[in-house]
Amino acid sequence: MNVISKWIRAGSRLAARPSGGPEPGSEDVRTALFHCPSCETVYIAEDKDVCRGCDHPVEQVPATLTRFR
């Protein structure tokens, strides 16, 4: 499974919530995708600097995904 497929699967689980939004009682938090070019791991987080798996710097994935076309 490639990186984008993993991200899409994670997003579909979030969209399956009854309201399609945050869980009841949680604050509205803005998250972003972060990609580790070294080990191909993708994170969904508010902020991320270093890959947990290999300690390499991560890059924020642009919202438009133009770089990945």
PDB file of N, CA and C in Angstrom:
ATOM      1  N   MET A   1       0.858  -1.177   0.000  1.00  0.00           N
ATOM      2  CA  MET A   1       0.000   0.000   0.000  1.00  0.00           C
ATOM      3  C   MET A   1       0.898   1.232   0.000  1.00  0.00           C
ATOM      4  N   ASN A   2       0.623   2.176  -0.877  1.00  0.00           N
ATOM      5  CA  ASN A   2       1.475   3.361  -0.937  1.00  0.00           C
ATOM      6  C   ASN A   2       1.045   4.417   0.076  1.00  0.00           C
ATOM      7  N   VAL A   3       1.843   5.453   0.187  1.00  0.00           N
ATOM      8  CA  VAL A   3       1.638   6.498   1.183  1.00  0.00           C
ATOM      9  C   VAL A   3       0.283   7.173   1.034  1.00  0.00           C
ATOM     10  N   ILE A   4      -0.087   7.544  -0.173  1.00  0.00           N
ATOM     11  CA  ILE A   4      -1.363   8.231  -0.392  1.00  0.00           C
ATOM     12  C   ILE A   4      -2.533   7.314  -0.046  1.00  0.00           C
ATOM     13  N   SER A   5      -2.439   6.033  -0.362  1.00  0.00           N
ATOM     14  CA  SER A   5      -3.511   5.093  -0.014  1.00  0.00           C
ATOM     15  C   SER A   5      -3.710   5.023   1.489  1.00  0.00           C
ATOM     16  N   LYS A   6      -2.606   5.021   2.251  1.00  0.00           N
ATOM     17  CA  LYS A   6      -2.712   5.000   3.714  1.00  0.00           C
ATOM     18  C   LYS A   6      -3.416   6.250   4.206  1.00  0.00           C
ATOM     19  N   TRP A   7      -3.079   7.405   3.621  1.00  0.00           N
ATOM     20  CA  TRP A   7      -3.691   8.659   4.033  1.00  0.00           C
ATOM     21  C   TRP A   7      -5.183   8.663   3.713  1.00  0.00           C
ATOM     22  N   ILE A   8      -5.548   8.180   2.537  1.00  0.00           N
ATOM     23  CA  ILE A   8      -6.957   8.139   2.142  1.00  0.00           C
ATOM     24  C   ILE A   8      -7.736   7.219   3.068  1.00  0.00           C
ATOM     25  N   ARG A   9      -7.171   6.068   3.423  1.00  0.00           N
ATOM     26  CA  ARG A   9      -7.852   5.149   4.346  1.00  0.00           C
ATOM     27  C   ARG A   9      -8.064   5.803   5.699  1.00  0.00           C
ATOM     28  N   ALA A  10      -7.063   6.539   6.196  1.00  0.00           N
ATOM     29  CA  ALA A  10      -7.200   7.226   7.479  1.00  0.00           C
ATOM     30  C   ALA A  10      -8.289   8.285   7.397  1.00  0.00           C
ATOM     31  N   GLY A  11      -8.349   9.026   6.300  1.00  0.00           N
ATOM     32  CA  GLY A  11      -9.371  10.052   6.124  1.00  0.00           C
ATOM     33  C   GLY A  11     -10.768   9.477   6.034  1.00  0.00           C
ATOM     34  N   SER A  12     -10.912   8.305   5.422  1.00  0.00           N
ATOM     35  CA  SER A  12     -12.240   7.706   5.308  1.00  0.00           C
ATOM     36  C   SER A  12     -12.747   7.248   6.664  1.00  0.00           C
ATOM     37  N   ARG A  13     -11.845   6.840   7.555  1.00  0.00           N
ATOM     38  CA  ARG A  13     -12.276   6.470   8.907  1.00  0.00           C
ATOM     39  C   ARG A  13     -12.790   7.698   9.642  1.00  0.00           C
ATOM     40  N   LEU A  14     -12.137   8.850   9.456  1.00  0.00           N
ATOM     41  CA  LEU A  14     -12.595  10.079  10.092  1.00  0.00           C
ATOM     42  C   LEU A  14     -13.935  10.527   9.524  1.00  0.00           C
ATOM     43  N   ALA A  15     -14.117  10.382   8.218  1.00  0.00           N
ATOM     44  CA  ALA A  15     -15.362  10.795   7.570  1.00  0.00           C
ATOM     45  C   ALA A  15     -16.530   9.913   7.974  1.00  0.00           C
ATOM     46  N   ALA A  16     -16.258   8.731   8.490  1.00  0.00           N
ATOM     47  CA  ALA A  16     -17.320   7.806   8.876  1.00  0.00           C
ATOM     48  C   ALA A  16     -18.002   8.204  10.183  1.00  0.00           C
ATOM     49  N   ARG A  17     -17.487   9.192  10.871  1.00  0.00           N
ATOM     50  CA  ARG A  17     -18.143   9.656  12.092  1.00  0.00           C
ATOM     51  C   ARG A  17     -19.517  10.204  11.741  1.00  0.00           C
ATOM     52  N   PRO A  18     -20.496  10.051  12.638  1.00  0.00           N
ATOM     53  CA  PRO A  18     -21.862  10.485  12.329  1.00  0.00           C
ATOM     54  C   PRO A  18     -21.970  11.934  11.858  1.00  0.00           C
ATOM     55  N   SER A  19     -21.252  12.845  12.485  1.00  0.00           N
ATOM     56  CA  SER A  19     -21.358  14.247  12.087  1.00  0.00           C
ATOM     57  C   SER A  19     -20.342  14.622  11.024  1.00  0.00           C
ATOM     58  N   GLY A  20     -19.367  13.729  10.782  1.00  0.00           N
ATOM     59  CA  GLY A  20     -18.311  14.040   9.842  1.00  0.00           C
ATOM     60  C   GLY A  20     -17.293  15.011  10.409  1.00  0.00           C
ATOM     61  N   GLY A  21     -17.453  15.404  11.666  1.00  0.00           N
ATOM     62  CA  GLY A  21     -16.544  16.357  12.296  1.00  0.00           C
ATOM     63  C   GLY A  21     -15.818  15.746  13.464  1.00  0.00           C
ATOM     64  N   PRO A  22     -15.315  16.582  14.332  1.00  0.00           N
ATOM     65  CA  PRO A  22     -14.570  16.089  15.480  1.00  0.00           C
ATOM     66  C   PRO A  22     -15.455  15.306  16.436  1.00  0.00           C
ATOM     67  N   GLU A  23     -14.828  14.489  17.251  1.00  0.00           N
ATOM     68  CA  GLU A  23     -15.577  13.714  18.227  1.00  0.00           C
ATOM     69  C   GLU A  23     -16.240  14.659  19.213  1.00  0.00           C
ATOM     70  N   PRO A  24     -17.390  14.257  19.762  1.00  0.00           N
ATOM     71  CA  PRO A  24     -18.071  15.103  20.741  1.00  0.00           C
ATOM     72  C   PRO A  24     -17.148  15.443  21.908  1.00  0.00           C
ATOM     73  N   GLY A  25     -17.151  16.700  22.303  1.00  0.00           N
ATOM     74  CA  GLY A  25     -16.344  17.147  23.421  1.00  0.00           C
ATOM     75  C   GLY A  25     -14.919  17.517  23.055  1.00  0.00           C
ATOM     76  N   SER A  26     -14.511  17.278  21.829  1.00  0.00           N
ATOM     77  CA  SER A  26     -13.141  17.627  21.440  1.00  0.00           C
ATOM     78  C   SER A  26     -13.123  19.018  20.821  1.00  0.00           C
ATOM     79  N   GLU A  27     -11.966  19.656  20.908  1.00  0.00           N
ATOM     80  CA  GLU A  27     -11.819  20.974  20.302  1.00  0.00           C
ATOM     81  C   GLU A  27     -11.565  20.818  18.808  1.00  0.00           C
ATOM     82  N   ASP A  28     -11.878  21.850  18.045  1.00  0.00           N
ATOM     83  CA  ASP A  28     -11.592  21.840  16.609  1.00  0.00           C
ATOM     84  C   ASP A  28     -10.097  22.085  16.422  1.00  0.00           C
ATOM     85  N   VAL A  29      -9.370  21.045  16.030  1.00  0.00           N
ATOM     86  CA  VAL A  29      -7.922  21.111  15.895  1.00  0.00           C
ATOM     87  C   VAL A  29      -7.551  21.036  14.416  1.00  0.00           C
ATOM     88  N   ARG A  30      -6.665  21.917  13.978  1.00  0.00           N
ATOM     89  CA  ARG A  30      -6.204  21.903  12.586  1.00  0.00           C
ATOM     90  C   ARG A  30      -4.954  21.041  12.498  1.00  0.00           C
ATOM     91  N   THR A  31      -5.026  20.008  11.684  1.00  0.00           N
ATOM     92  CA  THR A  31      -3.891  19.119  11.498  1.00  0.00           C
ATOM     93  C   THR A  31      -3.403  19.191  10.054  1.00  0.00           C
ATOM     94  N   ALA A  32      -2.243  18.640   9.831  1.00  0.00           N
ATOM     95  CA  ALA A  32      -1.653  18.611   8.498  1.00  0.00           C
ATOM     96  C   ALA A  32      -0.980  17.263   8.296  1.00  0.00           C
ATOM     97  N   LEU A  33      -0.644  16.975   7.047  1.00  0.00           N
ATOM     98  CA  LEU A  33       0.108  15.765   6.726  1.00  0.00           C
ATOM     99  C   LEU A  33       1.591  16.103   6.704  1.00  0.00           C
ATOM    100  N   PHE A  34       2.391  15.208   7.274  1.00  0.00           N
ATOM    101  CA  PHE A  34       3.838  15.344   7.262  1.00  0.00           C
ATOM    102  C   PHE A  34       4.419  14.054   6.706  1.00  0.00           C
ATOM    103  N   HIS A  35       5.391  14.179   5.803  1.00  0.00           N
ATOM    104  CA  HIS A  35       5.964  13.032   5.099  1.00  0.00           C
ATOM    105  C   HIS A  35       7.456  12.936   5.389  1.00  0.00           C
ATOM    106  N   CYS A  36       7.928  11.725   5.710  1.00  0.00           N
ATOM    107  CA  CYS A  36       9.357  11.492   5.885  1.00  0.00           C
ATOM    108  C   CYS A  36       9.904  10.940   4.570  1.00  0.00           C
ATOM    109  N   PRO A  37      10.732  11.698   3.865  1.00  0.00           N
ATOM    110  CA  PRO A  37      11.262  11.218   2.594  1.00  0.00           C
ATOM    111  C   PRO A  37      12.244  10.059   2.757  1.00  0.00           C
ATOM    112  N   SER A  38      12.765   9.873   3.951  1.00  0.00           N
ATOM    113  CA  SER A  38      13.734   8.808   4.179  1.00  0.00           C
ATOM    114  C   SER A  38      13.073   7.431   4.274  1.00  0.00           C
ATOM    115  N   CYS A  39      12.002   7.324   5.073  1.00  0.00           N
ATOM    116  CA  CYS A  39      11.367   6.011   5.270  1.00  0.00           C
ATOM    117  C   CYS A  39       9.938   5.943   4.735  1.00  0.00           C
ATOM    118  N   GLU A  40       9.457   7.030   4.093  1.00  0.00           N
ATOM    119  CA  GLU A  40       8.133   7.079   3.461  1.00  0.00           C
ATOM    120  C   GLU A  40       6.969   7.031   4.453  1.00  0.00           C
ATOM    121  N   THR A  41       7.207   7.338   5.721  1.00  0.00           N
ATOM    122  CA  THR A  41       6.138   7.372   6.712  1.00  0.00           C
ATOM    123  C   THR A  41       5.387   8.692   6.592  1.00  0.00           C
ATOM    124  N   VAL A  42       4.065   8.637   6.760  1.00  0.00           N
ATOM    125  CA  VAL A  42       3.226   9.837   6.729  1.00  0.00           C
ATOM    126  C   VAL A  42       2.550   9.986   8.084  1.00  0.00           C
ATOM    127  N   TYR A  43       2.566  11.199   8.602  1.00  0.00           N
ATOM    128  CA  TYR A  43       1.947  11.503   9.885  1.00  0.00           C
ATOM    129  C   TYR A  43       0.825  12.509   9.679  1.00  0.00           C
ATOM    130  N   ILE A  44      -0.209  12.400  10.498  1.00  0.00           N
ATOM    131  CA  ILE A  44      -1.247  13.423  10.597  1.00  0.00           C
ATOM    132  C   ILE A  44      -1.058  14.038  11.973  1.00  0.00           C
ATOM    133  N   ALA A  45      -0.691  15.317  12.012  1.00  0.00           N
ATOM    134  CA  ALA A  45      -0.378  15.953  13.287  1.00  0.00           C
ATOM    135  C   ALA A  45      -0.595  17.457  13.192  1.00  0.00           C
ATOM    136  N   GLU A  46      -0.650  18.098  14.361  1.00  0.00           N
ATOM    137  CA  GLU A  46      -0.717  19.555  14.401  1.00  0.00           C
ATOM    138  C   GLU A  46       0.622  20.148  13.986  1.00  0.00           C
ATOM    139  N   ASP A  47       1.701  19.539  14.453  1.00  0.00           N
ATOM    140  CA  ASP A  47       3.042  20.005  14.146  1.00  0.00           C
ATOM    141  C   ASP A  47       3.983  18.813  14.266  1.00  0.00           C
ATOM    142  N   LYS A  48       4.952  18.705  13.387  1.00  0.00           N
ATOM    143  CA  LYS A  48       5.882  17.570  13.396  1.00  0.00           C
ATOM    144  C   LYS A  48       7.186  18.028  12.780  1.00  0.00           C
ATOM    145  N   ASP A  49       8.303  17.728  13.432  1.00  0.00           N
ATOM    146  CA  ASP A  49       9.616  18.117  12.920  1.00  0.00           C
ATOM    147  C   ASP A  49      10.461  16.923  12.500  1.00  0.00           C
ATOM    148  N   VAL A  50      10.393  15.836  13.283  1.00  0.00           N
ATOM    149  CA  VAL A  50      11.279  14.695  13.082  1.00  0.00           C
ATOM    150  C   VAL A  50      10.471  13.405  13.033  1.00  0.00           C
ATOM    151  N   CYS A  51      10.864  12.494  12.156  1.00  0.00           N
ATOM    152  CA  CYS A  51      10.208  11.193  12.035  1.00  0.00           C
ATOM    153  C   CYS A  51      10.467  10.363  13.291  1.00  0.00           C
ATOM    154  N   ARG A  52       9.432   9.784  13.821  1.00  0.00           N
ATOM    155  CA  ARG A  52       9.541   8.956  15.010  1.00  0.00           C
ATOM    156  C   ARG A  52      10.299   7.662  14.714  1.00  0.00           C
ATOM    157  N   GLY A  53      10.214   7.163  13.476  1.00  0.00           N
ATOM    158  CA  GLY A  53      10.827   5.889  13.127  1.00  0.00           C
ATOM    159  C   GLY A  53      12.306   5.960  12.808  1.00  0.00           C
ATOM    160  N   CYS A  54      12.743   7.047  12.141  1.00  0.00           N
ATOM    161  CA  CYS A  54      14.145   7.087  11.697  1.00  0.00           C
ATOM    162  C   CYS A  54      14.878   8.371  12.100  1.00  0.00           C
ATOM    163  N   ASP A  55      14.212   9.275  12.809  1.00  0.00           N
ATOM    164  CA  ASP A  55      14.804  10.528  13.298  1.00  0.00           C
ATOM    165  C   ASP A  55      15.260  11.490  12.199  1.00  0.00           C
ATOM    166  N   HIS A  56      14.747  11.343  10.984  1.00  0.00           N
ATOM    167  CA  HIS A  56      15.048  12.288   9.904  1.00  0.00           C
ATOM    168  C   HIS A  56      14.000  13.403   9.909  1.00  0.00           C
ATOM    169  N   PRO A  57      14.349  14.579   9.402  1.00  0.00           N
ATOM    170  CA  PRO A  57      13.370  15.670   9.314  1.00  0.00           C
ATOM    171  C   PRO A  57      12.207  15.292   8.388  1.00  0.00           C
ATOM    172  N   VAL A  58      11.012  15.732   8.752  1.00  0.00           N
ATOM    173  CA  VAL A  58       9.832  15.492   7.923  1.00  0.00           C
ATOM    174  C   VAL A  58       9.473  16.774   7.192  1.00  0.00           C
ATOM    175  N   GLU A  59       8.700  16.632   6.109  1.00  0.00           N
ATOM    176  CA  GLU A  59       8.240  17.769   5.314  1.00  0.00           C
ATOM    177  C   GLU A  59       6.723  17.822   5.379  1.00  0.00           C
ATOM    178  N   GLN A  60       6.165  19.025   5.503  1.00  0.00           N
ATOM    179  CA  GLN A  60       4.714  19.157   5.464  1.00  0.00           C
ATOM    180  C   GLN A  60       4.244  18.959   4.029  1.00  0.00           C
ATOM    181  N   VAL A  61       3.229  18.122   3.859  1.00  0.00           N
ATOM    182  CA  VAL A  61       2.676  17.851   2.532  1.00  0.00           C
ATOM    183  C   VAL A  61       1.784  19.022   2.144  1.00  0.00           C
ATOM    184  N   PRO A  62       1.985  19.617   0.972  1.00  0.00           N
ATOM    185  CA  PRO A  62       1.141  20.734   0.554  1.00  0.00           C
ATOM    186  C   PRO A  62      -0.321  20.300   0.414  1.00  0.00           C
ATOM    187  N   ALA A  63      -1.220  21.194   0.732  1.00  0.00           N
ATOM    188  CA  ALA A  63      -2.649  20.876   0.684  1.00  0.00           C
ATOM    189  C   ALA A  63      -3.111  20.516  -0.719  1.00  0.00           C
ATOM    190  N   THR A  64      -2.444  21.012  -1.736  1.00  0.00           N
ATOM    191  CA  THR A  64      -2.873  20.750  -3.114  1.00  0.00           C
ATOM    192  C   THR A  64      -2.231  19.510  -3.718  1.00  0.00           C
ATOM    193  N   LEU A  65      -1.218  18.958  -3.071  1.00  0.00           N
ATOM    194  CA  LEU A  65      -0.502  17.775  -3.550  1.00  0.00           C
ATOM    195  C   LEU A  65       0.120  17.977  -4.927  1.00  0.00           C
ATOM    196  N   THR A  66       0.403  19.208  -5.321  1.00  0.00           N
ATOM    197  CA  THR A  66       0.983  19.457  -6.642  1.00  0.00           C
ATOM    198  C   THR A  66       2.361  18.824  -6.789  1.00  0.00           C
ATOM    199  N   ARG A  67       3.084  18.706  -5.721  1.00  0.00           N
ATOM    200  CA  ARG A  67       4.418  18.116  -5.774  1.00  0.00           C
ATOM    201  C   ARG A  67       4.366  16.628  -6.117  1.00  0.00           C
ATOM    202  N   PHE A  68       3.282  15.966  -5.815  1.00  0.00           N
ATOM    203  CA  PHE A  68       3.169  14.526  -5.980  1.00  0.00           C
ATOM    204  C   PHE A  68       2.526  14.115  -7.296  1.00  0.00           C
ATOM    205  N   ARG A  69       2.252  15.033  -8.172  1.00  0.00           N
ATOM    206  CA  ARG A  69       1.624  14.692  -9.451  1.00  0.00           C
ATOM    207  C   ARG A  69       2.610  14.119 -10.411  1.00  0.00           C
TER     208      ARG A  69
END
